[in-house]
C-alpha atoms as a PDB file:
ATOM      1  CA  UNK A   1       0.292  60.570  -9.832  1.00  0.00           C
ATOM      2  CA  UNK A   2      -0.872  64.133  -9.179  1.00  0.00           C
ATOM      3  CA  UNK A   3      -4.625  64.684  -9.024  1.00  0.00           C
ATOM      4  CA  UNK A   4      -6.142  67.887 -10.289  1.00  0.00           C
ATOM      5  CA  UNK A   5      -8.493  69.854  -8.047  1.00  0.00           C
ATOM      6  CA  UNK A   6     -12.252  69.836  -8.383  1.00  0.00           C
ATOM      7  CA  UNK A   7     -14.556  67.125  -9.649  1.00  0.00           C
ATOM      8  CA  UNK A   8     -16.098  65.990 -12.953  1.00  0.00           C
ATOM      9  CA  UNK A   9     -19.018  67.979 -14.328  1.00  0.00           C
ATOM     10  CA  UNK A  10     -22.098  65.741 -14.543  1.00  0.00           C
ATOM     11  CA  UNK A  11     -23.656  68.087 -17.099  1.00  0.00           C
ATOM     12  CA  UNK A  12     -21.123  66.735 -19.583  1.00  0.00           C
ATOM     13  CA  UNK A  13     -22.874  63.366 -19.372  1.00  0.00           C
ATOM     14  CA  UNK A  14     -26.474  64.568 -19.520  1.00  0.00           C
ATOM     15  CA  UNK A  15     -27.260  62.356 -22.520  1.00  0.00           C
ATOM     16  CA  UNK A  16     -26.384  59.227 -20.536  1.00  0.00           C
ATOM     17  CA  UNK A  17     -29.176  59.804 -18.001  1.00  0.00           C
ATOM     18  CA  UNK A  18     -31.619  58.127 -20.371  1.00  0.00           C
ATOM     19  CA  UNK A  19     -32.302  54.753 -18.775  1.00  0.00           C
ATOM     20  CA  UNK A  20     -35.835  53.656 -19.804  1.00  0.00           C
ATOM     21  CA  UNK A  21     -38.376  54.595 -17.169  1.00  0.00           C
ATOM     22  CA  UNK A  22     -40.724  51.944 -15.839  1.00  0.00           C
ATOM     23  CA  UNK A  23     -44.283  51.830 -17.144  1.00  0.00           C
ATOM     24  CA  UNK A  24     -47.401  50.337 -15.526  1.00  0.00           C
ATOM     25  CA  UNK A  25     -46.724  47.243 -17.620  1.00  0.00           C
ATOM     26  CA  UNK A  26     -43.137  46.758 -16.355  1.00  0.00           C
ATOM     27  CA  UNK A  27     -43.060  43.441 -14.464  1.00  0.00           C
ATOM     28  CA  UNK A  28     -39.800  44.232 -12.619  1.00  0.00           C
ATOM     29  CA  UNK A  29     -38.366  47.652 -11.837  1.00  0.00           C
ATOM     30  CA  UNK A  30     -35.047  48.915 -10.488  1.00  0.00           C
ATOM     31  CA  UNK A  31     -34.660  52.154  -8.524  1.00  0.00           C
ATOM     32  CA  UNK A  32     -31.279  53.660  -7.691  1.00  0.00           C
ATOM     33  CA  UNK A  33     -30.733  55.540  -4.429  1.00  0.00           C
ATOM     34  CA  UNK A  34     -27.078  56.529  -4.626  1.00  0.00           C
ATOM     35  CA  UNK A  35     -23.762  54.642  -4.439  1.00  0.00           C
ATOM     36  CA  UNK A  36     -24.798  50.979  -4.949  1.00  0.00           C
ATOM     37  CA  UNK A  37     -28.186  51.048  -3.265  1.00  0.00           C
ATOM     38  CA  UNK A  38     -30.712  49.462  -5.616  1.00  0.00           C
ATOM     39  CA  UNK A  39     -34.348  48.530  -5.022  1.00  0.00           C
ATOM     40  CA  UNK A  40     -35.498  45.639  -7.217  1.00  0.00           C
ATOM     41  CA  UNK A  41     -39.256  45.247  -7.132  1.00  0.00           C
ATOM     42  CA  UNK A  42     -41.975  43.280  -8.910  1.00  0.00           C
ATOM     43  CA  UNK A  43     -44.838  44.886  -7.002  1.00  0.00           C
ATOM     44  CA  UNK A  44     -45.137  41.952  -4.591  1.00  0.00           C
ATOM     45  CA  UNK A  45     -41.558  40.995  -3.751  1.00  0.00           C
ATOM     46  CA  UNK A  46     -38.695  43.427  -3.254  1.00  0.00           C
ATOM     47  CA  UNK A  47     -35.045  43.286  -2.320  1.00  0.00           C
ATOM     48  CA  UNK A  48     -32.412  45.942  -1.798  1.00  0.00           C
ATOM     49  CA  UNK A  49     -28.653  46.095  -2.045  1.00  0.00           C
ATOM     50  CA  UNK A  50     -26.903  48.079   0.702  1.00  0.00           C
ATOM     51  CA  UNK A  51     -29.621  50.522   1.781  1.00  0.00           C
ATOM     52  CA  UNK A  52     -27.034  53.219   2.509  1.00  0.00           C
ATOM     53  CA  UNK A  53     -28.953  56.430   3.233  1.00  0.00           C
ATOM     54  CA  UNK A  54     -27.296  58.124   6.251  1.00  0.00           C
ATOM     55  CA  UNK A  55     -24.287  59.371   4.279  1.00  0.00           C
ATOM     56  CA  UNK A  56     -22.280  60.899   7.165  1.00  0.00           C
ATOM     57  CA  UNK A  57     -20.144  63.906   6.291  1.00  0.00           C
ATOM     58  CA  UNK A  58     -16.497  63.780   5.300  1.00  0.00           C
ATOM     59  CA  UNK A  59     -15.294  65.492   8.492  1.00  0.00           C
ATOM     60  CA  UNK A  60     -16.963  62.931  10.753  1.00  0.00           C
ATOM     61  CA  UNK A  61     -15.587  60.025   8.738  1.00  0.00           C
ATOM     62  CA  UNK A  62     -12.078  61.495   8.359  1.00  0.00           C
ATOM     63  CA  UNK A  63     -11.734  62.203  12.091  1.00  0.00           C
ATOM     64  CA  UNK A  64     -12.805  58.622  12.913  1.00  0.00           C
ATOM     65  CA  UNK A  65     -15.706  59.766  15.067  1.00  0.00           C
ATOM     66  CA  UNK A  66     -18.337  57.081  15.741  1.00  0.00           C
ATOM     67  CA  UNK A  67     -20.813  56.594  12.927  1.00  0.00           C
ATOM     68  CA  UNK A  68     -24.481  55.939  13.560  1.00  0.00           C
ATOM     69  CA  UNK A  69     -27.416  55.506  11.220  1.00  0.00           C
ATOM     70  CA  UNK A  70     -29.688  58.509  10.785  1.00  0.00           C
ATOM     71  CA  UNK A  71     -33.277  57.439  11.446  1.00  0.00           C
ATOM     72  CA  UNK A  72     -34.674  60.501   9.700  1.00  0.00           C
ATOM     73  CA  UNK A  73     -32.581  60.031   6.548  1.00  0.00           C
ATOM     74  CA  UNK A  74     -33.412  56.324   6.357  1.00  0.00           C
ATOM     75  CA  UNK A  75     -37.127  56.955   6.842  1.00  0.00           C
ATOM     76  CA  UNK A  76     -37.137  59.740   4.249  1.00  0.00           C
ATOM     77  CA  UNK A  77     -35.371  57.564   1.677  1.00  0.00           C
ATOM     78  CA  UNK A  78     -37.618  54.564   2.220  1.00  0.00           C
ATOM     79  CA  UNK A  79     -40.657  56.799   1.921  1.00  0.00           C
ATOM     80  CA  UNK A  80     -39.291  58.311  -1.293  1.00  0.00           C
ATOM     81  CA  UNK A  81     -38.818  54.794  -2.679  1.00  0.00           C
ATOM     82  CA  UNK A  82     -42.266  53.705  -1.511  1.00  0.00           C
ATOM     83  CA  UNK A  83     -40.804  50.936   0.646  1.00  0.00           C
ATOM     84  CA  UNK A  84     -42.551  49.571   3.714  1.00  0.00           C
ATOM     85  CA  UNK A  85     -41.491  45.942   3.400  1.00  0.00           C
ATOM     86  CA  UNK A  86     -38.507  44.129   1.894  1.00  0.00           C
ATOM     87  CA  UNK A  87     -37.779  40.433   1.509  1.00  0.00           C
ATOM     88  CA  UNK A  88     -34.020  40.861   1.687  1.00  0.00           C
ATOM     89  CA  UNK A  89     -31.206  43.373   2.138  1.00  0.00           C
ATOM     90  CA  UNK A  90     -27.773  42.372   0.885  1.00  0.00           C
ATOM     91  CA  UNK A  91     -24.629  44.561   1.149  1.00  0.00           C
ATOM     92  CA  UNK A  92     -22.224  44.338  -1.788  1.00  0.00           C
ATOM     93  CA  UNK A  93     -19.444  44.444   0.820  1.00  0.00           C
ATOM     94  CA  UNK A  94     -19.213  45.803   4.354  1.00  0.00           C
ATOM     95  CA  UNK A  95     -17.425  49.158   4.148  1.00  0.00           C
ATOM     96  CA  UNK A  96     -19.455  51.899   5.839  1.00  0.00           C
ATOM     97  CA  UNK A  97     -20.635  53.451   2.546  1.00  0.00           C
ATOM     98  CA  UNK A  98     -22.429  50.220   1.750  1.00  0.00           C
ATOM     99  CA  UNK A  99     -23.326  48.412   4.956  1.00  0.00           C
ATOM    100  CA  UNK A 100     -23.631  50.868   7.852  1.00  0.00           C
ATOM    101  CA  UNK A 101     -27.425  51.176   7.359  1.00  0.00           C
ATOM    102  CA  UNK A 102     -28.102  47.656   6.092  1.00  0.00           C
ATOM    103  CA  UNK A 103     -29.144  46.264   9.461  1.00  0.00           C
ATOM    104  CA  UNK A 104     -31.298  49.299  10.268  1.00  0.00           C
ATOM    105  CA  UNK A 105     -33.084  49.013   6.912  1.00  0.00           C
ATOM    106  CA  UNK A 106     -33.572  45.280   7.327  1.00  0.00           C
ATOM    107  CA  UNK A 107     -34.996  45.769  10.805  1.00  0.00           C
ATOM    108  CA  UNK A 108     -37.443  48.454   9.642  1.00  0.00           C
ATOM    109  CA  UNK A 109     -38.715  46.431   6.694  1.00  0.00           C
ATOM    110  CA  UNK A 110     -38.775  42.891   8.099  1.00  0.00           C
ATOM    111  CA  UNK A 111     -36.086  41.774   5.662  1.00  0.00           C
ATOM    112  CA  UNK A 112     -33.459  39.085   6.011  1.00  0.00           C
ATOM    113  CA  UNK A 113     -29.940  40.493   6.047  1.00  0.00           C
ATOM    114  CA  UNK A 114     -28.133  38.349   3.491  1.00  0.00           C
ATOM    115  CA  UNK A 115     -24.388  38.161   2.938  1.00  0.00           C
ATOM    116  CA  UNK A 116     -21.177  36.739   4.307  1.00  0.00           C
ATOM    117  CA  UNK A 117     -19.948  36.414   7.863  1.00  0.00           C
ATOM    118  CA  UNK A 118     -18.928  40.089   7.977  1.00  0.00           C
ATOM    119  CA  UNK A 119     -22.460  41.243   7.141  1.00  0.00           C
ATOM    120  CA  UNK A 120     -23.781  38.822   9.741  1.00  0.00           C
ATOM    121  CA  UNK A 121     -21.620  40.471  12.415  1.00  0.00           C
ATOM    122  CA  UNK A 122     -23.153  43.837  11.538  1.00  0.00           C
ATOM    123  CA  UNK A 123     -26.634  42.375  11.761  1.00  0.00           C
ATOM    124  CA  UNK A 124     -26.041  40.663  15.083  1.00  0.00           C
ATOM    125  CA  UNK A 125     -24.422  43.782  16.511  1.00  0.00           C
ATOM    126  CA  UNK A 126     -27.679  45.573  15.722  1.00  0.00           C
ATOM    127  CA  UNK A 127     -29.803  42.862  17.341  1.00  0.00           C
ATOM    128  CA  UNK A 128     -31.158  41.291  14.152  1.00  0.00           C
ATOM    129  CA  UNK A 129     -32.303  37.695  14.323  1.00  0.00           C
ATOM    130  CA  UNK A 130     -33.040  37.329  10.587  1.00  0.00           C
ATOM    131  CA  UNK A 131     -29.476  36.985   9.307  1.00  0.00           C
ATOM    132  CA  UNK A 132     -28.465  34.574   6.539  1.00  0.00           C
ATOM    133  CA  UNK A 133     -24.864  33.681   5.688  1.00  0.00           C
ATOM    134  CA  UNK A 134     -24.534  32.415   2.135  1.00  0.00           C
ATOM    135  CA  UNK A 135     -21.946  30.425   0.208  1.00  0.00           C
ATOM    136  CA  UNK A 136     -20.430  31.941  -2.922  1.00  0.00           C
ATOM    137  CA  UNK A 137     -22.173  30.662  -6.038  1.00  0.00           C
ATOM    138  CA  UNK A 138     -25.238  29.201  -4.310  1.00  0.00           C
ATOM    139  CA  UNK A 139     -28.612  30.750  -5.095  1.00  0.00           C
ATOM    140  CA  UNK A 140     -30.955  31.724  -2.291  1.00  0.00           C
ATOM    141  CA  UNK A 141     -34.655  32.507  -2.722  1.00  0.00           C
ATOM    142  CA  UNK A 142     -35.606  36.065  -1.761  1.00  0.00           C
ATOM    143  CA  UNK A 143     -39.314  36.474  -2.390  1.00  0.00           C
ATOM    144  CA  UNK A 144     -39.862  35.988  -6.128  1.00  0.00           C
ATOM    145  CA  UNK A 145     -36.142  36.415  -6.842  1.00  0.00           C
ATOM    146  CA  UNK A 146     -33.189  34.038  -6.831  1.00  0.00           C
ATOM    147  CA  UNK A 147     -30.095  35.829  -5.540  1.00  0.00           C
ATOM    148  CA  UNK A 148     -26.604  34.435  -6.063  1.00  0.00           C
ATOM    149  CA  UNK A 149     -23.628  36.106  -4.407  1.00  0.00           C
ATOM    150  CA  UNK A 150     -20.375  35.360  -6.224  1.00  0.00           C
ATOM    151  CA  UNK A 151     -16.954  36.051  -4.760  1.00  0.00           C
ATOM    152  CA  UNK A 152     -15.288  39.180  -6.097  1.00  0.00           C
ATOM    153  CA  UNK A 153     -12.611  41.681  -5.065  1.00  0.00           C
ATOM    154  CA  UNK A 154     -12.671  45.292  -3.957  1.00  0.00           C
ATOM    155  CA  UNK A 155     -11.200  47.835  -6.345  1.00  0.00           C
ATOM    156  CA  UNK A 156      -7.701  48.828  -5.209  1.00  0.00           C
ATOM    157  CA  UNK A 157      -6.926  50.388  -2.866  1.00  0.00           C
ATOM    158  CA  UNK A 158      -9.026  48.830  -0.112  1.00  0.00           C
ATOM    159  CA  UNK A 159      -8.506  51.222   2.802  1.00  0.00           C
ATOM    160  CA  UNK A 160     -10.086  48.891   5.363  1.00  0.00           C
ATOM    161  CA  UNK A 161      -9.319  45.357   4.165  1.00  0.00           C
ATOM    162  CA  UNK A 162     -10.044  42.124   5.956  1.00  0.00           C
ATOM    163  CA  UNK A 163     -13.043  40.519   7.574  1.00  0.00           C
ATOM    164  CA  UNK A 164     -15.277  41.782  10.358  1.00  0.00           C
ATOM    165  CA  UNK A 165     -14.752  39.251  13.134  1.00  0.00           C
ATOM    166  CA  UNK A 166     -16.935  40.579  15.956  1.00  0.00           C
ATOM    167  CA  UNK A 167     -20.377  42.188  16.199  1.00  0.00           C
ATOM    168  CA  UNK A 168     -20.464  45.841  15.116  1.00  0.00           C
ATOM    169  CA  UNK A 169     -22.393  48.096  17.484  1.00  0.00           C
ATOM    170  CA  UNK A 170     -24.892  50.678  16.181  1.00  0.00           C
ATOM    171  CA  UNK A 171     -22.273  53.385  16.957  1.00  0.00           C
ATOM    172  CA  UNK A 172     -18.882  52.410  15.572  1.00  0.00           C
ATOM    173  CA  UNK A 173     -15.881  54.072  13.890  1.00  0.00           C
ATOM    174  CA  UNK A 174     -15.357  53.781  10.163  1.00  0.00           C
ATOM    175  CA  UNK A 175     -12.537  51.277  10.769  1.00  0.00           C
ATOM    176  CA  UNK A 176     -15.048  48.803  12.211  1.00  0.00           C
ATOM    177  CA  UNK A 177     -16.585  48.486   8.757  1.00  0.00           C
ATOM    178  CA  UNK A 178     -13.927  46.373   7.113  1.00  0.00           C
ATOM    179  CA  UNK A 179     -14.485  45.227   3.557  1.00  0.00           C
ATOM    180  CA  UNK A 180     -15.401  41.653   4.422  1.00  0.00           C
ATOM    181  CA  UNK A 181     -16.638  39.583   1.514  1.00  0.00           C
ATOM    182  CA  UNK A 182     -16.959  41.545  -1.728  1.00  0.00           C
ATOM    183  CA  UNK A 183     -19.676  40.166  -3.968  1.00  0.00           C
ATOM    184  CA  UNK A 184     -20.941  40.245  -7.499  1.00  0.00           C
ATOM    185  CA  UNK A 185     -24.684  39.879  -7.026  1.00  0.00           C
ATOM    186  CA  UNK A 186     -26.724  37.995  -9.619  1.00  0.00           C
ATOM    187  CA  UNK A 187     -30.482  38.517  -9.335  1.00  0.00           C
ATOM    188  CA  UNK A 188     -33.033  36.588 -11.390  1.00  0.00           C
ATOM    189  CA  UNK A 189     -36.794  36.992 -11.245  1.00  0.00           C
ATOM    190  CA  UNK A 190     -38.378  33.560 -11.324  1.00  0.00           C
ATOM    191  CA  UNK A 191     -41.641  34.685 -12.917  1.00  0.00           C
ATOM    192  CA  UNK A 192     -40.159  36.486 -15.914  1.00  0.00           C
ATOM    193  CA  UNK A 193     -36.611  35.167 -16.119  1.00  0.00           C
ATOM    194  CA  UNK A 194     -35.315  38.728 -16.098  1.00  0.00           C
ATOM    195  CA  UNK A 195     -31.798  38.860 -14.735  1.00  0.00           C
ATOM    196  CA  UNK A 196     -29.310  41.482 -13.718  1.00  0.00           C
ATOM    197  CA  UNK A 197     -25.812  41.534 -12.313  1.00  0.00           C
ATOM    198  CA  UNK A 198     -24.766  44.069  -9.687  1.00  0.00           C
ATOM    199  CA  UNK A 199     -21.019  44.630  -9.340  1.00  0.00           C
ATOM    200  CA  UNK A 200     -20.750  46.916  -6.352  1.00  0.00           C
ATOM    201  CA  UNK A 201     -17.008  47.487  -6.317  1.00  0.00           C
ATOM    202  CA  UNK A 202     -14.863  47.914  -9.399  1.00  0.00           C
ATOM    203  CA  UNK A 203     -12.952  44.710  -8.688  1.00  0.00           C
ATOM    204  CA  UNK A 204     -13.132  41.200 -10.052  1.00  0.00           C
ATOM    205  CA  UNK A 205     -11.920  37.642  -9.676  1.00  0.00           C
ATOM    206  CA  UNK A 206     -10.784  36.364 -13.097  1.00  0.00           C
ATOM    207  CA  UNK A 207     -13.207  33.744 -14.386  1.00  0.00           C
ATOM    208  CA  UNK A 208     -15.571  33.980 -11.404  1.00  0.00           C
ATOM    209  CA  UNK A 209     -18.564  34.880 -13.588  1.00  0.00           C
ATOM    210  CA  UNK A 210     -17.875  32.351 -16.350  1.00  0.00           C
ATOM    211  CA  UNK A 211     -21.045  30.518 -17.339  1.00  0.00           C
ATOM    212  CA  UNK A 212     -23.323  33.183 -15.819  1.00  0.00           C
ATOM    213  CA  UNK A 213     -25.711  35.318 -17.847  1.00  0.00           C
ATOM    214  CA  UNK A 214     -27.397  38.648 -17.233  1.00  0.00           C
ATOM    215  CA  UNK A 215     -29.124  40.968 -19.679  1.00  0.00           C
ATOM    216  CA  UNK A 216     -28.317  44.039 -17.583  1.00  0.00           C
ATOM    217  CA  UNK A 217     -25.289  44.955 -15.457  1.00  0.00           C
ATOM    218  CA  UNK A 218     -25.280  47.663 -12.806  1.00  0.00           C
ATOM    219  CA  UNK A 219     -21.542  48.287 -12.816  1.00  0.00           C
ATOM    220  CA  UNK A 220     -19.744  49.964  -9.915  1.00  0.00           C
ATOM    221  CA  UNK A 221     -17.097  52.468 -10.998  1.00  0.00           C
ATOM    222  CA  UNK A 222     -15.890  53.856  -7.658  1.00  0.00           C
ATOM    223  CA  UNK A 223     -12.098  54.428  -7.888  1.00  0.00           C
ATOM    224  CA  UNK A 224     -12.090  52.868 -11.363  1.00  0.00           C
ATOM    225  CA  UNK A 225     -10.930  56.085 -13.006  1.00  0.00           C
ATOM    226  CA  UNK A 226      -7.661  55.993 -11.027  1.00  0.00           C
ATOM    227  CA  UNK A 227      -6.691  52.542 -12.348  1.00  0.00           C
ATOM    228  CA  UNK A 228      -4.432  51.793 -15.341  1.00  0.00           C
ATOM    229  CA  UNK A 229      -6.315  51.688 -18.624  1.00  0.00           C
ATOM    230  CA  UNK A 230      -5.734  47.962 -19.076  1.00  0.00           C
ATOM    231  CA  UNK A 231      -7.433  47.376 -15.720  1.00  0.00           C
ATOM    232  CA  UNK A 232     -10.625  49.042 -17.006  1.00  0.00           C
ATOM    233  CA  UNK A 233     -10.591  46.835 -20.094  1.00  0.00           C
ATOM    234  CA  UNK A 234     -10.084  43.705 -18.006  1.00  0.00           C
ATOM    235  CA  UNK A 235     -12.871  44.760 -15.636  1.00  0.00           C
ATOM    236  CA  UNK A 236     -15.283  45.248 -18.546  1.00  0.00           C
ATOM    237  CA  UNK A 237     -14.322  41.859 -19.990  1.00  0.00           C
ATOM    238  CA  UNK A 238     -14.666  39.971 -16.702  1.00  0.00           C
ATOM    239  CA  UNK A 239     -18.101  41.451 -16.015  1.00  0.00           C
ATOM    240  CA  UNK A 240     -20.039  42.815 -18.990  1.00  0.00           C
ATOM    241  CA  UNK A 241     -18.603  40.644 -21.743  1.00  0.00           C
ATOM    242  CA  UNK A 242     -18.529  37.495 -19.636  1.00  0.00           C
ATOM    243  CA  UNK A 243     -22.249  37.608 -18.779  1.00  0.00           C
ATOM    244  CA  UNK A 244     -23.303  38.756 -22.259  1.00  0.00           C
ATOM    245  CA  UNK A 245     -25.046  41.935 -21.103  1.00  0.00           C
ATOM    246  CA  UNK A 246     -26.595  44.295 -23.636  1.00  0.00           C
ATOM    247  CA  UNK A 247     -27.159  47.201 -21.244  1.00  0.00           C
ATOM    248  CA  UNK A 248     -24.857  48.642 -18.572  1.00  0.00           C
ATOM    249  CA  UNK A 249     -25.800  51.157 -15.886  1.00  0.00           C
ATOM    250  CA  UNK A 250     -22.897  52.837 -14.070  1.00  0.00           C
ATOM    251  CA  UNK A 251     -23.224  53.255 -10.290  1.00  0.00           C
ATOM    252  CA  UNK A 252     -20.995  54.264  -7.344  1.00  0.00           C
ATOM    253  CA  UNK A 253     -19.823  57.514  -8.936  1.00  0.00           C
ATOM    254  CA  UNK A 254     -21.672  59.955  -6.666  1.00  0.00           C
ATOM    255  CA  UNK A 255     -20.148  61.795  -3.705  1.00  0.00           C
ATOM    256  CA  UNK A 256     -21.452  59.674  -0.829  1.00  0.00           C
ATOM    257  CA  UNK A 257     -20.582  62.279   1.810  1.00  0.00           C
ATOM    258  CA  UNK A 258     -23.347  64.501   0.409  1.00  0.00           C
ATOM    259  CA  UNK A 259     -26.924  63.981   1.690  1.00  0.00           C
ATOM    260  CA  UNK A 260     -29.491  62.638  -0.719  1.00  0.00           C
ATOM    261  CA  UNK A 261     -31.708  65.699  -0.319  1.00  0.00           C
ATOM    262  CA  UNK A 262     -29.071  67.768  -2.141  1.00  0.00           C
ATOM    263  CA  UNK A 263     -28.264  67.538  -5.854  1.00  0.00           C
ATOM    264  CA  UNK A 264     -25.870  64.705  -6.613  1.00  0.00           C
ATOM    265  CA  UNK A 265     -22.323  65.434  -7.643  1.00  0.00           C
ATOM    266  CA  UNK A 266     -19.463  63.220  -8.750  1.00  0.00           C
ATOM    267  CA  UNK A 267     -16.669  62.150  -6.441  1.00  0.00           C
ATOM    268  CA  UNK A 268     -13.760  64.624  -6.525  1.00  0.00           C
ATOM    269  CA  UNK A 269     -10.727  63.907  -8.673  1.00  0.00           C
ATOM    270  CA  UNK A 270      -8.649  63.113  -5.582  1.00  0.00           C
ATOM    271  CA  UNK A 271     -10.901  60.099  -4.934  1.00  0.00           C
ATOM    272  CA  UNK A 272     -11.800  59.049  -8.484  1.00  0.00           C
ATOM    273  CA  UNK A 273     -11.907  60.280 -12.068  1.00  0.00           C
ATOM    274  CA  UNK A 274     -15.286  59.670 -13.648  1.00  0.00           C
ATOM    275  CA  UNK A 275     -14.107  61.394 -16.826  1.00  0.00           C
ATOM    276  CA  UNK A 276     -11.568  58.627 -17.424  1.00  0.00           C
ATOM    277  CA  UNK A 277     -14.080  55.887 -16.658  1.00  0.00           C
ATOM    278  CA  UNK A 278     -16.675  57.394 -18.986  1.00  0.00           C
ATOM    279  CA  UNK A 279     -14.218  57.835 -21.835  1.00  0.00           C
ATOM    280  CA  UNK A 280     -12.921  54.264 -21.732  1.00  0.00           C
ATOM    281  CA  UNK A 281     -16.160  52.480 -20.875  1.00  0.00           C
ATOM    282  CA  UNK A 282     -18.079  54.416 -23.528  1.00  0.00           C
ATOM    283  CA  UNK A 283     -15.552  53.272 -26.116  1.00  0.00           C
ATOM    284  CA  UNK A 284     -15.804  49.651 -24.984  1.00  0.00           C
ATOM    285  CA  UNK A 285     -19.596  49.848 -25.012  1.00  0.00           C
ATOM    286  CA  UNK A 286     -19.583  51.168 -28.597  1.00  0.00           C
ATOM    287  CA  UNK A 287     -17.238  48.396 -29.696  1.00  0.00           C
ATOM    288  CA  UNK A 288     -19.507  45.755 -28.165  1.00  0.00           C
ATOM    289  CA  UNK A 289     -22.841  47.284 -29.154  1.00  0.00           C
ATOM    290  CA  UNK A 290     -23.816  47.720 -25.490  1.00  0.00           C
ATOM    291  CA  UNK A 291     -26.098  50.510 -24.289  1.00  0.00           C
ATOM    292  CA  UNK A 292     -24.399  52.585 -21.569  1.00  0.00           C
ATOM    293  CA  UNK A 293     -26.338  54.681 -19.061  1.00  0.00           C
ATOM    294  CA  UNK A 294     -26.162  56.642 -15.840  1.00  0.00           C
ATOM    295  CA  UNK A 295     -29.117  56.205 -13.474  1.00  0.00           C
ATOM    296  CA  UNK A 296     -31.431  58.939 -12.216  1.00  0.00           C
ATOM    297  CA  UNK A 297     -31.866  59.164  -8.454  1.00  0.00           C
ATOM    298  CA  UNK A 298     -35.147  57.653  -7.165  1.00  0.00           C
ATOM    299  CA  UNK A 299     -36.499  56.921 -10.665  1.00  0.00           C
ATOM    300  CA  UNK A 300     -38.290  53.595 -11.199  1.00  0.00           C
ATOM    301  CA  UNK A 301     -36.498  52.221 -14.251  1.00  0.00           C
ATOM    302  CA  UNK A 302     -37.123  49.265 -16.517  1.00  0.00           C
ATOM    303  CA  UNK A 303     -33.613  48.450 -17.729  1.00  0.00           C
ATOM    304  CA  UNK A 304     -34.915  45.515 -19.797  1.00  0.00           C
ATOM    305  CA  UNK A 305     -37.035  47.757 -22.064  1.00  0.00           C
END
């Protein structure tokens, strides 16, 4: 398949950036910070997926030069989000664009690094002692939230498949960040019962989410637009329809080689095709009566409003 040059125009989807903003009365809020980094906060307890803020440039990644977290970019992002303390940090999987900053963020905020054995190797390579390895399907308490990581798959192709089997040093090449365990992350707030599902990679295990429920899904679409159309329909069914969600927020569409202090742009067509994803997912959402949104960077949202 030949890919056209350029990238999708986000202005074409301006009407989708309408996720309800949080109000002072919102008991739980969700803030998006690019790719699949989400801050889920009730004002007392907070957890974060990924915490990927360094966003090294394409040239450094493509030439396999060692990657290292940027202290200044992490500090700036946490300050922008108003974060000084977290109860947990959990990577959706352990590729660099999800997990390379997870240990640094956990260390800064006193959080437990929560995930599979691959995430644990990243944490231990960074000297963390608060590392928790979970079992798929078992809930773990993270502050006022119950977090359940459920086995999933990475969207094809997975350029660095397999598990991380040894500690990852703070400076490591992109190939050190193998996919590891890919998770669908179910988060439920014990005080309000509000639940959301985070699907970080556009992959799925058939039937893995059967019997689970979430009002809101933050749905990863990275590489989804390059898949056959029947794959997109199956992905929607195995995630959104299976958990009975009424609102879907699309994530992992932004160019993660671009720093967060510059305006966001979509991934180029050579890496993904957001236009295809939007066309098909918008149709499926209309058929199912589901509200479809794109998130606004840094904004405190109340997706249950």
